[in-house]
Protein backbone atom coordinates (compact mmCIF):
# COMPACT_ATOMS: atom_id res chain seq x y z
CA UNK A 1 121.40 -110.95 75.48
CA UNK A 2 120.31 -107.60 75.68
CA UNK A 3 119.81 -107.21 71.61
CA UNK A 4 117.57 -110.52 71.29
CA UNK A 5 115.37 -109.09 73.63
CA UNK A 6 114.85 -106.26 71.63
CA UNK A 7 114.46 -108.42 68.36
CA UNK A 8 111.61 -110.13 70.45
CA UNK A 9 110.03 -107.58 70.99
CA UNK A 10 109.82 -105.87 67.27
CA UNK A 11 109.30 -109.21 65.78
CA UNK A 12 106.27 -109.18 68.44
CA UNK A 13 105.00 -105.70 67.11
CA UNK A 14 105.16 -107.11 63.56
CA UNK A 15 103.06 -109.91 64.31
CA UNK A 16 100.17 -107.99 65.68
CA UNK A 17 100.74 -104.80 63.27
CA UNK A 18 102.28 -102.17 65.14
CA UNK A 19 105.30 -102.40 62.75
CA UNK A 20 106.10 -103.20 59.61
CA UNK A 21 107.95 -105.61 57.90
CA UNK A 22 111.87 -105.41 59.05
CA UNK A 23 114.64 -107.33 60.15
CA UNK A 24 114.13 -107.61 63.58
CA UNK A 25 117.95 -108.58 64.04
CA UNK A 26 119.45 -105.64 62.42
CA UNK A 27 117.26 -103.35 64.28
CA UNK A 28 117.89 -104.29 67.37
CA UNK A 29 121.57 -104.88 66.68
CA UNK A 30 121.19 -100.79 65.41
CA UNK A 31 119.58 -100.17 68.46
CA UNK A 32 122.48 -101.69 70.29
CA UNK A 33 125.20 -100.00 68.92
CA UNK A 34 123.36 -96.72 68.94
CA UNK A 35 122.95 -97.01 72.95
CA UNK A 36 126.43 -98.67 73.36
CA UNK A 37 128.26 -95.22 71.43
CA UNK A 38 125.43 -93.22 72.57
CA UNK A 39 126.98 -94.22 76.46
CA UNK A 40 131.26 -94.06 75.39
CA UNK A 41 130.40 -90.85 73.81
CA UNK A 42 128.25 -89.37 76.78
CA UNK A 43 131.47 -90.19 79.01
CA UNK A 44 133.83 -88.41 76.96
CA UNK A 45 132.41 -85.07 76.10
CA UNK A 46 132.25 -82.21 78.25
CA UNK A 47 128.59 -81.19 76.62
CA UNK A 48 125.12 -82.84 75.92
CA UNK A 49 124.87 -80.52 72.70
CA UNK A 50 124.50 -83.81 70.36
CA UNK A 51 122.33 -85.80 72.41
CA UNK A 52 119.06 -83.83 70.58
CA UNK A 53 120.04 -83.80 67.19
CA UNK A 54 120.75 -88.00 67.88
CA UNK A 55 117.19 -88.35 69.14
CA UNK A 56 116.12 -87.05 66.22
CA UNK A 57 118.26 -89.34 63.97
CA UNK A 58 117.22 -92.19 65.78
CA UNK A 59 113.63 -91.40 65.55
CA UNK A 60 113.23 -90.85 61.92
CA UNK A 61 115.44 -93.80 61.68
CA UNK A 62 112.64 -95.87 63.19
CA UNK A 63 109.83 -94.14 61.42
CA UNK A 64 111.55 -95.61 58.14
CA UNK A 65 112.38 -99.05 59.14
CA UNK A 66 110.07 -99.96 62.09
CA UNK A 67 107.00 -97.81 62.86
CA UNK A 68 103.78 -98.43 60.19
CA UNK A 69 103.11 -95.74 57.90
């Protein structure tokens, strides 16, 4: 359900010209997988040193795959 909601937001952004053409389902799946993985990693690690690097990498992914250039 969450993944479908994200896909619909991405599709809406594409329709409005905010996002570039992409596969909303794939981007939503990637976003959901990243969120789930981050939750697991956060609960199994003693430190949060990795969070900033993951945020930066996810930002790079969105810039390449979703945001209009």
